[in-house]
Amino acid sequence: MIQKNTNIWIWIQNDKIFKAILNHDEGTIRIFDENDNLIYKRTGLSRFHIKQIENTIIQYGAKRLDTHAEPFKFL
């Protein structure tokens, strides 16, 4: 279940699909590969750091998903 203040981002990098789930309240980021394997997890981040991370993944062409959207609908 997706919590409040959680953003889901998806992007293609090096011909692979990545998904990031960032929670501003918990200060967490989780990044998954195209097989939904967790490849990176970080906790204890401030809201400022979460926003910086979001800005960075936007530079890779990430799209923010609606929490009720099909995961790969935008592709």
PDB file of N, CA and C in Angstrom:
ATOM      1  N   MET A   1       0.842  -1.179   0.000  1.00  0.00           N
ATOM      2  CA  MET A   1       0.000   0.000   0.000  1.00  0.00           C
ATOM      3  C   MET A   1       0.891   1.247   0.000  1.00  0.00           C
ATOM      4  N   ILE A   2       0.565   2.208  -0.862  1.00  0.00           N
ATOM      5  CA  ILE A   2       1.344   3.435  -0.974  1.00  0.00           C
ATOM      6  C   ILE A   2       0.901   4.415   0.104  1.00  0.00           C
ATOM      7  N   GLN A   3       1.868   4.959   0.831  1.00  0.00           N
ATOM      8  CA  GLN A   3       1.578   5.889   1.908  1.00  0.00           C
ATOM      9  C   GLN A   3       1.515   7.317   1.388  1.00  0.00           C
ATOM     10  N   LYS A   4       0.976   8.182   2.228  1.00  0.00           N
ATOM     11  CA  LYS A   4       0.913   9.603   1.920  1.00  0.00           C
ATOM     12  C   LYS A   4       2.332  10.163   1.801  1.00  0.00           C
ATOM     13  N   ASN A   5       2.498  11.176   0.968  1.00  0.00           N
ATOM     14  CA  ASN A   5       3.794  11.822   0.732  1.00  0.00           C
ATOM     15  C   ASN A   5       4.830  10.874   0.139  1.00  0.00           C
ATOM     16  N   THR A   6       4.347   9.928  -0.646  1.00  0.00           N
ATOM     17  CA  THR A   6       5.220   9.001  -1.362  1.00  0.00           C
ATOM     18  C   THR A   6       5.102   9.275  -2.851  1.00  0.00           C
ATOM     19  N   ASN A   7       6.242   9.395  -3.516  1.00  0.00           N
ATOM     20  CA  ASN A   7       6.279   9.584  -4.960  1.00  0.00           C
ATOM     21  C   ASN A   7       6.928   8.383  -5.610  1.00  0.00           C
ATOM     22  N   ILE A   8       6.347   7.968  -6.731  1.00  0.00           N
ATOM     23  CA  ILE A   8       6.896   6.864  -7.508  1.00  0.00           C
ATOM     24  C   ILE A   8       7.379   7.440  -8.832  1.00  0.00           C
ATOM     25  N   TRP A   9       8.634   7.171  -9.152  1.00  0.00           N
ATOM     26  CA  TRP A   9       9.255   7.661 -10.385  1.00  0.00           C
ATOM     27  C   TRP A   9       9.704   6.477 -11.200  1.00  0.00           C
ATOM     28  N   ILE A  10       9.620   6.604 -12.515  1.00  0.00           N
ATOM     29  CA  ILE A  10      10.064   5.538 -13.402  1.00  0.00           C
ATOM     30  C   ILE A  10      10.816   6.162 -14.567  1.00  0.00           C
ATOM     31  N   TRP A  11      11.910   5.505 -14.991  1.00  0.00           N
ATOM     32  CA  TRP A  11      12.704   6.039 -16.096  1.00  0.00           C
ATOM     33  C   TRP A  11      13.467   4.918 -16.781  1.00  0.00           C
ATOM     34  N   ILE A  12      13.962   5.228 -17.972  1.00  0.00           N
ATOM     35  CA  ILE A  12      14.783   4.289 -18.730  1.00  0.00           C
ATOM     36  C   ILE A  12      16.209   4.819 -18.757  1.00  0.00           C
ATOM     37  N   GLN A  13      17.145   3.953 -18.419  1.00  0.00           N
ATOM     38  CA  GLN A  13      18.561   4.318 -18.402  1.00  0.00           C
ATOM     39  C   GLN A  13      19.352   3.132 -18.928  1.00  0.00           C
ATOM     40  N   ASN A  14      20.186   3.354 -19.925  1.00  0.00           N
ATOM     41  CA  ASN A  14      20.971   2.273 -20.542  1.00  0.00           C
ATOM     42  C   ASN A  14      20.083   1.110 -20.978  1.00  0.00           C
ATOM     43  N   ASP A  15      18.955   1.450 -21.586  1.00  0.00           N
ATOM     44  CA  ASP A  15      17.993   0.463 -22.107  1.00  0.00           C
ATOM     45  C   ASP A  15      17.383  -0.416 -21.023  1.00  0.00           C
ATOM     46  N   LYS A  16      17.393   0.046 -19.796  1.00  0.00           N
ATOM     47  CA  LYS A  16      16.767  -0.688 -18.697  1.00  0.00           C
ATOM     48  C   LYS A  16      15.778   0.230 -17.993  1.00  0.00           C
ATOM     49  N   ILE A  17      14.720  -0.366 -17.457  1.00  0.00           N
ATOM     50  CA  ILE A  17      13.686   0.386 -16.751  1.00  0.00           C
ATOM     51  C   ILE A  17      13.995   0.363 -15.257  1.00  0.00           C
ATOM     52  N   PHE A  18      13.915   1.535 -14.648  1.00  0.00           N
ATOM     53  CA  PHE A  18      14.132   1.662 -13.208  1.00  0.00           C
ATOM     54  C   PHE A  18      12.924   2.327 -12.569  1.00  0.00           C
ATOM     55  N   LYS A  19      12.685   1.983 -11.313  1.00  0.00           N
ATOM     56  CA  LYS A  19      11.592   2.574 -10.542  1.00  0.00           C
ATOM     57  C   LYS A  19      12.150   3.011  -9.201  1.00  0.00           C
ATOM     58  N   ALA A  20      11.786   4.224  -8.789  1.00  0.00           N
ATOM     59  CA  ALA A  20      12.196   4.725  -7.479  1.00  0.00           C
ATOM     60  C   ALA A  20      10.954   5.076  -6.675  1.00  0.00           C
ATOM     61  N   ILE A  21      10.956   4.693  -5.427  1.00  0.00           N
ATOM     62  CA  ILE A  21       9.876   5.050  -4.510  1.00  0.00           C
ATOM     63  C   ILE A  21      10.503   5.882  -3.400  1.00  0.00           C
ATOM     64  N   LEU A  22      10.071   7.150  -3.322  1.00  0.00           N
ATOM     65  CA  LEU A  22      10.610   8.073  -2.339  1.00  0.00           C
ATOM     66  C   LEU A  22       9.514   8.483  -1.369  1.00  0.00           C
ATOM     67  N   ASN A  23       9.799   8.401  -0.085  1.00  0.00           N
ATOM     68  CA  ASN A  23       8.840   8.800   0.936  1.00  0.00           C
ATOM     69  C   ASN A  23       9.413   9.979   1.700  1.00  0.00           C
ATOM     70  N   HIS A  24       8.755  11.128   1.575  1.00  0.00           N
ATOM     71  CA  HIS A  24       9.238  12.354   2.212  1.00  0.00           C
ATOM     72  C   HIS A  24       9.120  12.295   3.729  1.00  0.00           C
ATOM     73  N   ASP A  25       8.057  11.671   4.249  1.00  0.00           N
ATOM     74  CA  ASP A  25       7.864  11.617   5.697  1.00  0.00           C
ATOM     75  C   ASP A  25       8.873  10.697   6.381  1.00  0.00           C
ATOM     76  N   GLU A  26       9.132   9.549   5.772  1.00  0.00           N
ATOM     77  CA  GLU A  26      10.064   8.582   6.360  1.00  0.00           C
ATOM     78  C   GLU A  26      11.512   8.872   6.004  1.00  0.00           C
ATOM     79  N   GLY A  27      11.739   9.689   4.963  1.00  0.00           N
ATOM     80  CA  GLY A  27      13.103   9.976   4.519  1.00  0.00           C
ATOM     81  C   GLY A  27      13.765   8.775   3.873  1.00  0.00           C
ATOM     82  N   THR A  28      12.986   8.028   3.071  1.00  0.00           N
ATOM     83  CA  THR A  28      13.521   6.820   2.457  1.00  0.00           C
ATOM     84  C   THR A  28      13.463   6.889   0.931  1.00  0.00           C
ATOM     85  N   ILE A  29      14.385   6.185   0.320  1.00  0.00           N
ATOM     86  CA  ILE A  29      14.374   5.977  -1.125  1.00  0.00           C
ATOM     87  C   ILE A  29      14.678   4.515  -1.373  1.00  0.00           C
ATOM     88  N   ARG A  30      13.917   3.937  -2.290  1.00  0.00           N
ATOM     89  CA  ARG A  30      14.155   2.566  -2.726  1.00  0.00           C
ATOM     90  C   ARG A  30      14.151   2.580  -4.248  1.00  0.00           C
ATOM     91  N   ILE A  31      15.150   1.968  -4.851  1.00  0.00           N
ATOM     92  CA  ILE A  31      15.237   1.890  -6.310  1.00  0.00           C
ATOM     93  C   ILE A  31      15.211   0.418  -6.710  1.00  0.00           C
ATOM     94  N   PHE A  32      14.383   0.137  -7.723  1.00  0.00           N
ATOM     95  CA  PHE A  32      14.186  -1.221  -8.211  1.00  0.00           C
ATOM     96  C   PHE A  32      14.588  -1.298  -9.675  1.00  0.00           C
ATOM     97  N   ASP A  33      15.077  -2.462 -10.091  1.00  0.00           N
ATOM     98  CA  ASP A  33      15.391  -2.670 -11.508  1.00  0.00           C
ATOM     99  C   ASP A  33      14.134  -3.118 -12.236  1.00  0.00           C
ATOM    100  N   GLU A  34      14.283  -3.456 -13.519  1.00  0.00           N
ATOM    101  CA  GLU A  34      13.132  -3.804 -14.337  1.00  0.00           C
ATOM    102  C   GLU A  34      12.480  -5.126 -13.939  1.00  0.00           C
ATOM    103  N   ASN A  35      13.165  -5.913 -13.153  1.00  0.00           N
ATOM    104  CA  ASN A  35      12.593  -7.163 -12.633  1.00  0.00           C
ATOM    105  C   ASN A  35      12.042  -6.995 -11.224  1.00  0.00           C
ATOM    106  N   ASP A  36      11.922  -5.745 -10.793  1.00  0.00           N
ATOM    107  CA  ASP A  36      11.409  -5.372  -9.473  1.00  0.00           C
ATOM    108  C   ASP A  36      12.292  -5.890  -8.335  1.00  0.00           C
ATOM    109  N   ASN A  37      13.596  -6.031  -8.610  1.00  0.00           N
ATOM    110  CA  ASN A  37      14.565  -6.370  -7.572  1.00  0.00           C
ATOM    111  C   ASN A  37      15.048  -5.078  -6.928  1.00  0.00           C
ATOM    112  N   LEU A  38      15.089  -5.054  -5.616  1.00  0.00           N
ATOM    113  CA  LEU A  38      15.599  -3.897  -4.897  1.00  0.00           C
ATOM    114  C   LEU A  38      17.100  -3.794  -5.135  1.00  0.00           C
ATOM    115  N   ILE A  39      17.540  -2.673  -5.710  1.00  0.00           N
ATOM    116  CA  ILE A  39      18.974  -2.524  -5.985  1.00  0.00           C
ATOM    117  C   ILE A  39      19.608  -1.428  -5.134  1.00  0.00           C
ATOM    118  N   TYR A  40      18.778  -0.595  -4.491  1.00  0.00           N
ATOM    119  CA  TYR A  40      19.329   0.467  -3.643  1.00  0.00           C
ATOM    120  C   TYR A  40      18.272   0.872  -2.629  1.00  0.00           C
ATOM    121  N   LYS A  41      18.692   1.031  -1.378  1.00  0.00           N
ATOM    122  CA  LYS A  41      17.797   1.504  -0.328  1.00  0.00           C
ATOM    123  C   LYS A  41      18.577   2.442   0.578  1.00  0.00           C
ATOM    124  N   ARG A  42      17.964   3.563   0.897  1.00  0.00           N
ATOM    125  CA  ARG A  42      18.600   4.533   1.794  1.00  0.00           C
ATOM    126  C   ARG A  42      17.542   5.074   2.727  1.00  0.00           C
ATOM    127  N   THR A  43      17.873   5.196   3.999  1.00  0.00           N
ATOM    128  CA  THR A  43      16.952   5.721   5.004  1.00  0.00           C
ATOM    129  C   THR A  43      17.594   6.904   5.704  1.00  0.00           C
ATOM    130  N   GLY A  44      16.803   7.627   6.464  1.00  0.00           N
ATOM    131  CA  GLY A  44      17.313   8.729   7.269  1.00  0.00           C
ATOM    132  C   GLY A  44      17.611   9.992   6.484  1.00  0.00           C
ATOM    133  N   LEU A  45      16.976  10.162   5.330  1.00  0.00           N
ATOM    134  CA  LEU A  45      17.211  11.346   4.508  1.00  0.00           C
ATOM    135  C   LEU A  45      16.264  12.478   4.908  1.00  0.00           C
ATOM    136  N   SER A  46      16.742  13.692   4.762  1.00  0.00           N
ATOM    137  CA  SER A  46      15.885  14.847   5.047  1.00  0.00           C
ATOM    138  C   SER A  46      14.993  15.115   3.830  1.00  0.00           C
ATOM    139  N   ARG A  47      13.971  15.941   4.018  1.00  0.00           N
ATOM    140  CA  ARG A  47      13.103  16.328   2.899  1.00  0.00           C
ATOM    141  C   ARG A  47      13.920  17.021   1.804  1.00  0.00           C
ATOM    142  N   PHE A  48      14.908  17.800   2.206  1.00  0.00           N
ATOM    143  CA  PHE A  48      15.773  18.486   1.252  1.00  0.00           C
ATOM    144  C   PHE A  48      16.520  17.476   0.385  1.00  0.00           C
ATOM    145  N   HIS A  49      17.072  16.437   1.013  1.00  0.00           N
ATOM    146  CA  HIS A  49      17.803  15.409   0.266  1.00  0.00           C
ATOM    147  C   HIS A  49      16.882  14.634  -0.678  1.00  0.00           C
ATOM    148  N   ILE A  50      15.673  14.333  -0.207  1.00  0.00           N
ATOM    149  CA  ILE A  50      14.706  13.638  -1.065  1.00  0.00           C
ATOM    150  C   ILE A  50      14.415  14.484  -2.302  1.00  0.00           C
ATOM    151  N   LYS A  51      14.220  15.789  -2.118  1.00  0.00           N
ATOM    152  CA  LYS A  51      13.945  16.683  -3.245  1.00  0.00           C
ATOM    153  C   LYS A  51      15.136  16.727  -4.202  1.00  0.00           C
ATOM    154  N   GLN A  52      16.357  16.758  -3.680  1.00  0.00           N
ATOM    155  CA  GLN A  52      17.552  16.732  -4.529  1.00  0.00           C
ATOM    156  C   GLN A  52      17.610  15.449  -5.358  1.00  0.00           C
ATOM    157  N   ILE A  53      17.286  14.332  -4.748  1.00  0.00           N
ATOM    158  CA  ILE A  53      17.290  13.053  -5.453  1.00  0.00           C
ATOM    159  C   ILE A  53      16.237  13.068  -6.555  1.00  0.00           C
ATOM    160  N   GLU A  54      15.056  13.590  -6.248  1.00  0.00           N
ATOM    161  CA  GLU A  54      14.008  13.678  -7.262  1.00  0.00           C
ATOM    162  C   GLU A  54      14.465  14.542  -8.437  1.00  0.00           C
ATOM    163  N   ASN A  55      15.099  15.654  -8.157  1.00  0.00           N
ATOM    164  CA  ASN A  55      15.600  16.518  -9.232  1.00  0.00           C
ATOM    165  C   ASN A  55      16.641  15.797 -10.086  1.00  0.00           C
ATOM    166  N   THR A  56      17.460  14.974  -9.464  1.00  0.00           N
ATOM    167  CA  THR A  56      18.476  14.227 -10.206  1.00  0.00           C
ATOM    168  C   THR A  56      17.840  13.193 -11.124  1.00  0.00           C
ATOM    169  N   ILE A  57      16.870  12.444 -10.622  1.00  0.00           N
ATOM    170  CA  ILE A  57      16.269  11.425 -11.477  1.00  0.00           C
ATOM    171  C   ILE A  57      15.398  12.054 -12.566  1.00  0.00           C
ATOM    172  N   ILE A  58      14.897  13.245 -12.345  1.00  0.00           N
ATOM    173  CA  ILE A  58      14.167  13.960 -13.393  1.00  0.00           C
ATOM    174  C   ILE A  58      15.103  14.255 -14.558  1.00  0.00           C
ATOM    175  N   GLN A  59      16.373  14.512 -14.271  1.00  0.00           N
ATOM    176  CA  GLN A  59      17.354  14.762 -15.328  1.00  0.00           C
ATOM    177  C   GLN A  59      17.547  13.542 -16.227  1.00  0.00           C
ATOM    178  N   TYR A  60      17.245  12.349 -15.709  1.00  0.00           N
ATOM    179  CA  TYR A  60      17.319  11.123 -16.514  1.00  0.00           C
ATOM    180  C   TYR A  60      16.029  10.897 -17.304  1.00  0.00           C
ATOM    181  N   GLY A  61      15.096  11.836 -17.210  1.00  0.00           N
ATOM    182  CA  GLY A  61      13.837  11.722 -17.939  1.00  0.00           C
ATOM    183  C   GLY A  61      12.764  10.967 -17.186  1.00  0.00           C
ATOM    184  N   ALA A  62      12.883  10.900 -15.871  1.00  0.00           N
ATOM    185  CA  ALA A  62      11.908  10.175 -15.067  1.00  0.00           C
ATOM    186  C   ALA A  62      10.533  10.832 -15.144  1.00  0.00           C
ATOM    187  N   LYS A  63       9.525   9.993 -15.068  1.00  0.00           N
ATOM    188  CA  LYS A  63       8.136  10.430 -15.025  1.00  0.00           C
ATOM    189  C   LYS A  63       7.556   9.999 -13.690  1.00  0.00           C
ATOM    190  N   ARG A  64       6.821  10.918 -13.081  1.00  0.00           N
ATOM    191  CA  ARG A  64       6.179  10.567 -11.809  1.00  0.00           C
ATOM    192  C   ARG A  64       4.859   9.881 -12.102  1.00  0.00           C
ATOM    193  N   LEU A  65       4.643   8.746 -11.454  1.00  0.00           N
ATOM    194  CA  LEU A  65       3.421   7.982 -11.645  1.00  0.00           C
ATOM    195  C   LEU A  65       2.386   8.368 -10.622  1.00  0.00           C
ATOM    196  N   ASP A  66       1.143   8.368 -11.062  1.00  0.00           N
ATOM    197  CA  ASP A  66       0.031   8.478 -10.135  1.00  0.00           C
ATOM    198  C   ASP A  66       0.034   7.190  -9.310  1.00  0.00           C
ATOM    199  N   THR A  67      -0.289   7.277  -8.039  1.00  0.00           N
ATOM    200  CA  THR A  67      -0.222   6.090  -7.179  1.00  0.00           C
ATOM    201  C   THR A  67      -1.213   5.018  -7.594  1.00  0.00           C
ATOM    202  N   HIS A  68      -2.191   5.362  -8.450  1.00  0.00           N
ATOM    203  CA  HIS A  68      -3.166   4.371  -8.894  1.00  0.00           C
ATOM    204  C   HIS A  68      -2.967   3.987 -10.355  1.00  0.00           C
ATOM    205  N   ALA A  69      -1.887   4.447 -10.976  1.00  0.00           N
ATOM    206  CA  ALA A  69      -1.635   4.177 -12.396  1.00  0.00           C
ATOM    207  C   ALA A  69      -0.999   2.804 -12.578  1.00  0.00           C
ATOM    208  N   GLU A  70      -1.177   2.253 -13.769  1.00  0.00           N
ATOM    209  CA  GLU A  70      -0.480   1.031 -14.126  1.00  0.00           C
ATOM    210  C   GLU A  70       1.004   1.374 -14.233  1.00  0.00           C
ATOM    211  N   PRO A  71       1.901   0.565 -13.700  1.00  0.00           N
ATOM    212  CA  PRO A  71       3.323   0.924 -13.624  1.00  0.00           C
ATOM    213  C   PRO A  71       3.984   1.298 -14.951  1.00  0.00           C
ATOM    214  N   PHE A  72       3.648   0.634 -16.035  1.00  0.00           N
ATOM    215  CA  PHE A  72       4.372   0.892 -17.264  1.00  0.00           C
ATOM    216  C   PHE A  72       3.485   1.515 -18.334  1.00  0.00           C
ATOM    217  N   LYS A  73       2.418   2.130 -17.915  1.00  0.00           N
ATOM    218  CA  LYS A  73       1.467   2.739 -18.846  1.00  0.00           C
ATOM    219  C   LYS A  73       2.101   3.854 -19.684  1.00  0.00           C
ATOM    220  N   PHE A  74       3.015   4.610 -19.108  1.00  0.00           N
ATOM    221  CA  PHE A  74       3.591   5.761 -19.812  1.00  0.00           C
ATOM    222  C   PHE A  74       4.526   5.346 -20.933  1.00  0.00           C
ATOM    223  N   LEU A  75       5.034   4.127 -20.919  1.00  0.00           N
ATOM    224  CA  LEU A  75       5.992   3.677 -21.935  1.00  0.00           C
ATOM    225  C   LEU A  75       5.310   3.503 -23.219  1.00  0.00           C
TER     226      LEU A  75
END
